[in-house]
Structure formats: C-alpha cells, structure tokens
Amino acid sequence: MSGGRTSAFRLGRGPMAAAILLQASCSSSSAPTATAGTPLPSGSGWSVEAITRVSSREGTPVVAGGLVWVPNMAEGSISAVNASDGRVERTVRIGDPGFLLRQGCGTSSVHATPHGSFDIRRCDVPNALAYDGKSLWVTLNDARVLLRLDPVSGRTLATIPLGIEAFGLGVGAAGVWVSDFEHDSVVHFDRSTGAVLATISGMPPGPSGIAVGQDAVWVACARANSIARIDPITNKVVAELPLGKSPLPVAIAFGSVWVRSEEGDRLTRIDPATNRVVATTVVGAAEGLDGLDQFGIDATGLWLSGLRIAHVSAASNLQDRVLGYDGPALDYGRGRLWAIGILGTLSRIRVN
C-alpha cells in the first residue's frame, strides 16, 4: 500500500496460502496458475479447491451470481473472481485511497491503533460492499459517495452523495443503510431512487455492522457494546440490547438476529419478536484486519471467520464444525465458502 501505512491485523496461525492461484496484474480474464507440487489444504469433511491471489489488502467478499466480488481496499478497486474456476475476470477501479492518505486518514501503524477502535480502517477505499440480488452497492470515503454497480460488469449505474464517513453497509427490503462509526450516525437511502430518507444521529457509540430486514434494521454499536433496532418506517431507535465487547458483524437468518462480539469471542442470537437474547455461544477468536468481519450463511447455520473457520448450528446454537483453516472474513454462496486471507488471497472451500 502506498504511503508506508501498515495494517492492524490479528495474525492467524492456520495454513495460509499453501498453494496460490496467481492472476495477471492487468484486469483482463487471464487464467490463474497453481503453485507446482504444493497440495491444497484439506481435512475431514472439507477441502480447499482453489486459492486465488487478489490484492494486498482485501475487504469482505460478496457472492453475486456466478462471481465473487472482492474489494481491494488499498487500491481503490474491486475484483470479480469467477466462482467456477477461480479466474479473476476483471478488476474495476472506482476510487482513490491516496486521497485519504494525503488527508491524514487513520493511524499509520498497528502500534498506534488501539484494538477495537477500528481506526485502521479509515483509509480503506472501498470500505464496504453489499449485494441485494440485483445490484452491487459500494461506499467510497474518498469521494464520500455510495455507488450502485452492475453485478456482472461492475459498471457504475448510480452515484449517490453520502454526506457521512461510511463504515458499515446493509441492503434489504427496507432500503440501503450506511453507518458512520466515527460520528455515531446512520443514513437511510431509498433503494430505487438513492434519495436520503433519513439521517439518524445520536446512535449508541460506534455504529458498525448492519443487517436489514423487512420491518427492522439492526445496527451493531461497537463502542457501546450493544445492538440497536431501528424502525425503518419511523427511522427511530426502538430498542437497544447489551452485548459483549466490540460487536461487529450482524445477520438476519433462521428467524433470528445474530451478532458477533469481536473481543468477547461470543455469538449472540436474538429473537426479534421479543427483542431478547435467546442464546449466547462461545466461539473462536477473530482474525485479520481490526473492524473487518462477515458471516456466511448456509442451509443449517452460520459460518464464522477466525483463526479457525467454524460453523454454528441454528438448530442447537452450538459450534458443530471447525475447519483447520483460517480466514479474516468470508461469505457463503453457490455451495461453497469463500474466505479472504491475510496474504491477499481468496479461497474457495468445499464443505461436506
């Protein structure tokens, strides 16, 4: 990354990048090649099918149809990886992280960044990516805009002024929602027109991860160690629940709301009908870039990133699978796990 800036990483101990599929440095659809003679990692009930080199500093991957889009946060671009063969089909430049670096964004070293502050992420361009089944949505803090992109070509379809310093991004039936971690606010956008429907100030400190449902929007508030429920009609916070330290990723699945506390190593399950915690599961340690995490959801539960990728059953609320493989953030789609690595890779993992 330019500017000599180092990243606040929680270092993993898993078998990172045993074999790497290298893309050409250009944005064309050049075929990757495997490192000769090096077997891909595998274990009981799982195997890595491909490892693709993407960029030096990746964001959370997003599965969109036959592509997996990966933010290249030090380069101001996103890369589309073919879900079938691991080929990087295209890389689309959408921003300029150098602009933020010249403005003095964030801290310059892991040693100057308190863990849990998420300050190291203030220079990332892009910093969040989401898919709603029709469009990709991306936030850029260099230009302070929200982009709507074609999920196949990556072509920009709309450019929407943000008006905030974006952190988390959620898209769903109740619109597009963007959190501002530094200034304790959330903005609600109309998904069709891009119009700002509401700016909610005075949120519990540190709004971060967002999950958008039909009748509720759930926002993790990392500095408050809580999660807030917003009514998308009134755009008011209607409930707040205490959680473990530094909650970040949030998901709505299996009739529940799930949130992980990054420093508490806890997965909390909430019943949205009562706004009560119904289960708390001890999970493994998170890994990678401070302030970066995401769940993967399959037919039976949630996949969690970390020093050991793990699966929690929605039926039992217990951890029922642990892979001998690590990943800072992941997604699940097309019957596979997709995990980024601290060495700038994307792994396609088959799980039985």
Protein backbone atom coordinates (compact mmCIF):
# COMPACT_ATOMS: atom_id res chain seq x y z
CA MET A 1 0.00 0.00 0.00
CA SER A 2 1.20 3.49 -0.75
CA GLY A 3 2.19 5.89 1.98
CA GLY A 4 4.06 3.31 4.03
CA ARG A 5 0.98 2.55 6.11
CA THR A 6 0.83 -0.76 7.93
CA SER A 7 -2.34 -2.63 8.86
CA ALA A 8 -3.73 -3.61 12.26
CA PHE A 9 -4.02 -7.34 11.70
CA ARG A 10 -4.90 -10.06 14.18
CA LEU A 11 -2.46 -12.67 12.89
CA GLY A 12 -3.68 -16.20 12.25
CA ARG A 13 -1.87 -19.48 12.63
CA GLY A 14 -3.74 -21.52 10.01
CA PRO A 15 -2.34 -23.00 6.78
CA MET A 16 -2.48 -19.79 4.80
CA ALA A 17 -1.89 -19.96 1.08
CA ALA A 18 -0.38 -23.41 0.76
CA ALA A 19 -0.90 -23.04 -2.96
CA ILE A 20 -1.81 -19.80 -4.70
CA LEU A 21 -3.54 -19.19 -7.99
CA LEU A 22 -1.86 -16.11 -9.41
CA GLN A 23 -3.75 -13.62 -11.52
CA ALA A 24 -2.03 -11.37 -14.04
CA SER A 25 -1.61 -7.84 -12.78
CA CYS A 26 -3.87 -6.46 -15.51
CA SER A 27 -7.65 -6.51 -15.31
CA SER A 28 -8.18 -8.96 -18.15
CA SER A 29 -9.50 -12.51 -17.74
CA SER A 30 -6.09 -14.18 -17.66
CA ALA A 31 -6.07 -17.71 -16.29
CA PRO A 32 -4.55 -18.40 -12.87
CA THR A 33 -1.80 -20.96 -12.43
CA ALA A 34 -1.26 -23.20 -9.40
CA THR A 35 2.00 -23.38 -7.50
CA ALA A 36 3.58 -26.59 -8.75
CA GLY A 37 3.81 -29.57 -6.40
CA THR A 38 2.01 -27.93 -3.48
CA PRO A 39 -1.18 -29.67 -2.34
CA LEU A 40 -4.16 -27.58 -1.38
CA PRO A 41 -5.20 -27.74 2.29
CA SER A 42 -7.92 -30.20 3.29
CA GLY A 43 -9.33 -32.02 6.30
CA SER A 44 -12.20 -34.20 7.41
CA GLY A 45 -15.27 -33.05 5.52
CA TRP A 46 -13.64 -30.04 3.84
CA SER A 47 -11.15 -29.18 1.14
CA VAL A 48 -9.78 -26.04 -0.46
CA GLU A 49 -10.49 -26.21 -4.17
CA ALA A 50 -8.73 -23.03 -5.26
CA ILE A 51 -6.72 -20.15 -3.83
CA THR A 52 -6.68 -17.01 -5.95
CA ARG A 53 -4.29 -14.13 -5.44
CA VAL A 54 -6.37 -10.94 -5.50
CA SER A 55 -4.70 -7.97 -3.78
CA SER A 56 -2.57 -6.94 -0.81
CA ARG A 57 -5.46 -5.69 1.32
CA GLU A 58 -8.87 -7.28 0.77
CA GLY A 59 -12.29 -6.48 2.14
CA THR A 60 -15.16 -8.86 2.79
CA PRO A 61 -16.04 -10.99 -0.27
CA VAL A 62 -19.55 -10.89 -1.69
CA VAL A 63 -21.05 -13.69 -3.80
CA ALA A 64 -23.18 -12.25 -6.61
CA GLY A 65 -24.43 -14.84 -9.07
CA GLY A 66 -21.53 -16.55 -10.77
CA LEU A 67 -18.98 -14.05 -9.47
CA VAL A 68 -17.34 -13.34 -6.14
CA TRP A 69 -16.55 -9.65 -5.78
CA VAL A 70 -13.62 -8.70 -3.57
CA PRO A 71 -12.82 -5.11 -2.51
CA ASN A 72 -9.16 -4.14 -2.96
CA MET A 73 -9.07 -1.58 -0.17
CA ALA A 74 -5.53 -0.32 -0.74
CA GLU A 75 -6.05 0.11 -4.47
CA GLY A 76 -9.48 1.73 -4.83
CA SER A 77 -10.86 -1.15 -6.88
CA ILE A 78 -12.99 -4.30 -6.79
CA SER A 79 -12.16 -7.61 -8.45
CA ALA A 80 -14.60 -10.15 -9.89
CA VAL A 81 -13.50 -13.76 -9.37
CA ASN A 82 -15.21 -16.47 -11.42
CA ALA A 83 -16.91 -18.78 -8.93
CA SER A 84 -16.35 -21.84 -11.12
CA ASP A 85 -12.68 -21.69 -12.00
CA GLY A 86 -11.10 -19.09 -9.67
CA ARG A 87 -10.18 -16.82 -12.56
CA VAL A 88 -10.03 -13.07 -11.89
CA GLU A 89 -12.29 -11.90 -14.71
CA ARG A 90 -11.94 -8.17 -14.21
CA THR A 91 -10.75 -5.50 -11.81
CA VAL A 92 -12.70 -2.25 -11.78
CA ARG A 93 -11.15 0.94 -10.45
CA ILE A 94 -13.72 3.00 -8.53
CA GLY A 95 -11.79 5.18 -6.06
CA ASP A 96 -8.51 6.68 -4.90
CA PRO A 97 -7.20 5.66 -1.45
CA GLY A 98 -4.28 8.04 -1.98
CA PHE A 99 -6.67 10.94 -1.49
CA LEU A 100 -7.44 9.82 2.07
CA LEU A 101 -3.79 9.13 2.81
CA ARG A 102 -2.87 12.64 1.76
CA GLN A 103 -5.59 13.94 4.09
CA GLY A 104 -4.05 12.07 7.05
CA CYS A 105 -6.71 9.41 7.47
CA GLY A 106 -6.44 6.98 10.38
CA THR A 107 -3.31 5.85 12.16
CA SER A 108 -0.14 4.93 10.33
CA SER A 109 0.82 1.84 12.32
CA VAL A 110 -0.70 -1.12 14.16
CA HIS A 111 1.26 0.04 17.22
CA ALA A 112 -0.59 3.36 17.21
CA THR A 113 -4.03 1.77 16.86
CA PRO A 114 -5.91 0.61 19.97
CA HIS A 115 -7.53 -2.73 19.23
CA GLY A 116 -11.28 -2.34 18.91
CA SER A 117 -11.08 1.29 17.78
CA PHE A 118 -11.41 0.23 14.10
CA ASP A 119 -9.38 3.36 13.32
CA ILE A 120 -7.08 1.46 10.98
CA ARG A 121 -9.98 1.13 8.51
CA ARG A 122 -10.46 4.87 7.92
CA CYS A 123 -8.12 4.80 4.88
CA ASP A 124 -9.85 1.92 3.07
CA VAL A 125 -11.23 2.60 -0.42
CA PRO A 126 -13.66 0.98 -0.97
CA ASN A 127 -14.59 0.21 2.61
CA ALA A 128 -17.87 -1.74 2.26
CA LEU A 129 -19.63 -3.84 -0.38
CA ALA A 130 -23.11 -5.43 -0.43
CA TYR A 131 -25.38 -7.25 -2.90
CA ASP A 132 -29.18 -7.15 -2.91
CA GLY A 133 -29.84 -9.72 -5.64
CA LYS A 134 -29.93 -7.07 -8.38
CA SER A 135 -27.15 -4.57 -7.76
CA LEU A 136 -23.82 -4.23 -6.01
CA TRP A 137 -23.59 -1.35 -3.54
CA VAL A 138 -20.24 0.18 -2.58
CA THR A 139 -19.24 3.00 -0.22
CA LEU A 140 -16.27 5.26 -1.01
CA ASN A 141 -14.90 7.63 1.60
CA ASP A 142 -12.50 9.41 -0.75
CA ALA A 143 -15.39 10.94 -2.71
CA ARG A 144 -17.96 10.41 0.08
CA VAL A 145 -20.35 8.61 -2.26
CA LEU A 146 -22.48 5.48 -2.42
CA LEU A 147 -22.25 3.63 -5.74
CA ARG A 148 -24.76 1.25 -7.31
CA LEU A 149 -22.98 -1.09 -9.71
CA ASP A 150 -23.94 -3.70 -12.28
CA PRO A 151 -23.13 -7.06 -10.59
CA VAL A 152 -21.70 -8.57 -13.78
CA SER A 153 -19.65 -5.81 -15.39
CA GLY A 154 -19.04 -3.63 -12.33
CA ARG A 155 -20.22 -0.62 -14.34
CA THR A 156 -21.44 2.31 -12.25
CA LEU A 157 -25.22 2.73 -12.51
CA ALA A 158 -25.69 5.48 -9.93
CA THR A 159 -23.52 7.78 -7.82
CA ILE A 160 -25.19 8.99 -4.63
CA PRO A 161 -23.73 11.58 -2.21
CA LEU A 162 -23.19 10.09 1.24
CA GLY A 163 -22.75 13.07 3.50
CA ILE A 164 -21.04 10.91 6.14
CA GLU A 165 -17.86 8.90 6.72
CA ALA A 166 -19.10 5.43 5.81
CA PHE A 167 -18.26 2.30 7.76
CA GLY A 168 -20.95 -0.40 7.58
CA LEU A 169 -23.34 -1.08 4.70
CA GLY A 170 -26.56 -3.07 4.66
CA VAL A 171 -29.13 -3.58 1.90
CA GLY A 172 -32.53 -5.23 2.03
CA ALA A 173 -36.26 -4.82 1.70
CA ALA A 174 -36.17 -1.75 3.96
CA GLY A 175 -33.66 0.09 1.79
CA VAL A 176 -29.95 0.87 1.85
CA TRP A 177 -28.38 1.75 5.20
CA VAL A 178 -24.89 3.12 5.89
CA SER A 179 -23.32 3.58 9.32
CA ASP A 180 -20.84 6.28 10.37
CA PHE A 181 -18.70 4.74 13.10
CA GLU A 182 -16.80 7.91 13.93
CA HIS A 183 -19.80 10.23 14.22
CA ASP A 184 -22.44 7.89 15.68
CA SER A 185 -24.98 8.16 12.88
CA VAL A 186 -26.79 6.03 10.31
CA VAL A 187 -28.22 7.13 6.95
CA HIS A 188 -31.23 5.50 5.27
CA PHE A 189 -31.38 5.63 1.45
CA ASP A 190 -34.21 4.70 -0.87
CA ARG A 191 -33.02 1.68 -2.83
CA SER A 192 -34.82 2.69 -6.05
CA THR A 193 -34.03 6.40 -6.24
CA GLY A 194 -30.99 6.80 -3.99
CA ALA A 195 -32.76 9.60 -2.12
CA VAL A 196 -31.86 10.13 1.54
CA LEU A 197 -34.91 9.14 3.58
CA ALA A 198 -33.41 9.84 7.00
CA THR A 199 -30.22 10.60 8.88
CA ILE A 200 -30.32 9.13 12.37
CA SER A 201 -27.91 10.98 14.67
CA GLY A 202 -27.10 10.24 18.27
CA MET A 203 -26.82 6.48 17.79
CA PRO A 204 -25.23 4.44 20.58
CA PRO A 205 -21.47 5.00 20.10
CA GLY A 206 -19.69 3.23 17.25
CA PRO A 207 -22.40 2.03 14.83
CA SER A 208 -20.72 -0.62 12.68
CA GLY A 209 -22.27 -3.74 11.14
CA ILE A 210 -25.81 -3.56 9.72
CA ALA A 211 -28.47 -6.17 8.89
CA VAL A 212 -31.60 -5.04 7.03
CA GLY A 213 -34.86 -6.91 7.44
CA GLN A 214 -38.42 -6.35 6.27
CA ASP A 215 -39.59 -4.43 9.33
CA ALA A 216 -36.42 -3.77 11.30
CA VAL A 217 -32.82 -2.70 10.80
CA TRP A 218 -30.24 -3.95 13.29
CA VAL A 219 -27.04 -1.99 13.88
CA ALA A 220 -24.12 -3.24 15.98
CA CYS A 221 -22.70 -0.42 18.11
CA ALA A 222 -19.11 -1.42 18.81
CA ARG A 223 -18.16 1.31 21.26
CA ALA A 224 -21.39 0.96 23.22
CA ASN A 225 -21.10 -2.87 23.31
CA SER A 226 -24.71 -3.10 22.19
CA ILE A 227 -27.02 -3.60 19.23
CA ALA A 228 -29.74 -1.13 18.24
CA ARG A 229 -33.02 -1.89 16.49
CA ILE A 230 -34.34 0.79 14.13
CA ASP A 231 -37.89 1.02 12.81
CA PRO A 232 -37.42 1.71 9.06
CA ILE A 233 -40.76 3.48 8.84
CA THR A 234 -40.23 5.99 11.65
CA ASN A 235 -36.42 5.87 11.38
CA LYS A 236 -36.21 5.77 15.18
CA VAL A 237 -34.22 3.51 17.50
CA VAL A 238 -36.87 1.43 19.24
CA ALA A 239 -34.69 -0.98 21.23
CA GLU A 240 -31.09 -1.44 22.39
CA LEU A 241 -29.65 -4.66 23.82
CA PRO A 242 -26.33 -5.02 25.70
CA LEU A 243 -23.75 -7.36 24.17
CA GLY A 244 -20.13 -8.44 24.61
CA LYS A 245 -17.23 -6.19 23.73
CA SER A 246 -16.90 -4.78 20.18
CA PRO A 247 -19.89 -6.24 18.33
CA LEU A 248 -19.40 -6.03 14.57
CA PRO A 249 -20.98 -8.45 12.04
CA VAL A 250 -24.77 -8.78 12.09
CA ALA A 251 -27.03 -11.15 10.14
CA ILE A 252 -30.72 -11.98 9.96
CA ALA A 253 -31.28 -15.71 9.45
CA PHE A 254 -33.39 -18.59 10.73
CA GLY A 255 -35.93 -16.21 12.22
CA SER A 256 -33.29 -14.58 14.41
CA VAL A 257 -30.74 -11.79 14.56
CA TRP A 258 -27.12 -12.87 15.05
CA VAL A 259 -24.23 -10.66 16.12
CA ARG A 260 -20.62 -11.46 16.95
CA SER A 261 -18.63 -9.63 19.63
CA GLU A 262 -15.11 -9.39 18.23
CA GLU A 263 -13.27 -9.03 21.53
CA GLY A 264 -15.67 -11.08 23.61
CA ASP A 265 -15.49 -14.18 21.37
CA ARG A 266 -19.26 -14.51 21.65
CA LEU A 267 -22.02 -15.12 19.11
CA THR A 268 -25.37 -13.78 20.33
CA ARG A 269 -28.75 -14.88 18.98
CA ILE A 270 -31.71 -12.51 19.40
CA ASP A 271 -35.42 -13.17 18.97
CA PRO A 272 -36.73 -10.16 17.01
CA ALA A 273 -40.29 -10.84 18.20
CA THR A 274 -39.32 -10.13 21.82
CA ASN A 275 -36.01 -8.24 21.44
CA ARG A 276 -34.46 -10.72 23.84
CA VAL A 277 -31.26 -12.74 23.73
CA VAL A 278 -32.14 -16.42 23.37
CA ALA A 279 -28.64 -17.92 23.09
CA THR A 280 -25.00 -16.99 23.54
CA THR A 281 -22.34 -19.24 22.02
CA VAL A 282 -18.64 -19.15 22.82
CA VAL A 283 -16.74 -19.03 19.53
CA GLY A 284 -13.11 -18.85 18.50
CA ALA A 285 -11.02 -15.73 18.18
CA ALA A 286 -11.47 -13.35 15.26
CA GLU A 287 -8.54 -12.77 12.92
CA GLY A 288 -7.27 -10.22 10.50
CA LEU A 289 -7.98 -6.55 10.00
CA ASP A 290 -9.47 -4.85 13.05
CA GLY A 291 -13.01 -3.78 12.11
CA LEU A 292 -13.46 -6.29 9.26
CA ASP A 293 -15.69 -9.36 9.60
CA GLN A 294 -18.69 -11.03 8.00
CA PHE A 295 -20.81 -14.19 8.41
CA GLY A 296 -21.53 -16.82 5.80
CA ILE A 297 -24.99 -18.41 5.93
CA ASP A 298 -25.80 -21.89 4.64
CA ALA A 299 -28.89 -24.12 4.98
CA THR A 300 -28.20 -25.15 8.58
CA GLY A 301 -26.39 -22.31 10.29
CA LEU A 302 -23.71 -19.64 10.24
CA TRP A 303 -20.06 -19.79 9.21
CA LEU A 304 -17.71 -17.63 11.27
CA SER A 305 -14.30 -16.34 10.24
CA GLY A 306 -11.29 -16.53 12.52
CA LEU A 307 -8.12 -18.39 13.37
CA ARG A 308 -10.19 -21.50 12.68
CA ILE A 309 -13.23 -21.10 10.45
CA ALA A 310 -16.19 -22.53 12.35
CA HIS A 311 -19.88 -23.33 11.85
CA VAL A 312 -22.64 -22.78 14.40
CA SER A 313 -25.83 -24.81 14.04
CA ALA A 314 -29.07 -22.83 14.03
CA ALA A 315 -30.86 -25.87 15.45
CA SER A 316 -28.68 -26.30 18.54
CA ASN A 317 -26.87 -22.93 18.82
CA LEU A 318 -23.69 -24.97 19.22
CA GLN A 319 -20.47 -24.96 17.25
CA ASP A 320 -20.67 -28.16 15.19
CA ARG A 321 -17.83 -27.74 12.69
CA VAL A 322 -14.30 -26.38 12.98
CA LEU A 323 -12.02 -26.30 9.95
CA GLY A 324 -8.26 -26.42 10.18
CA TYR A 325 -8.14 -23.26 8.08
CA ASP A 326 -8.25 -19.56 8.86
CA GLY A 327 -9.80 -16.51 7.27
CA PRO A 328 -10.39 -12.90 8.40
CA ALA A 329 -13.76 -12.58 6.62
CA LEU A 330 -15.94 -14.81 4.46
CA ASP A 331 -19.16 -15.36 2.58
CA TYR A 332 -21.13 -18.46 1.59
CA GLY A 333 -22.68 -18.93 -1.84
CA ARG A 334 -23.02 -21.37 -4.72
CA GLY A 335 -22.45 -24.23 -2.26
CA ARG A 336 -19.01 -23.03 -1.23
CA LEU A 337 -17.28 -20.99 1.43
CA TRP A 338 -15.27 -18.01 0.18
CA ALA A 339 -12.64 -16.77 2.63
CA ILE A 340 -10.14 -13.97 2.21
CA GLY A 341 -6.64 -14.40 3.64
CA ILE A 342 -4.20 -12.05 5.30
CA LEU A 343 -1.80 -12.63 2.39
CA GLY A 344 -4.25 -11.20 -0.15
CA THR A 345 -5.93 -14.39 -1.31
CA LEU A 346 -9.45 -15.70 -1.85
CA SER A 347 -10.01 -19.38 -1.01
CA ARG A 348 -12.86 -21.47 -2.39
CA ILE A 349 -13.68 -24.13 0.19
CA ARG A 350 -15.89 -27.17 -0.29
CA VAL A 351 -17.59 -28.36 2.89
CA ASN A 352 -19.47 -31.67 3.08
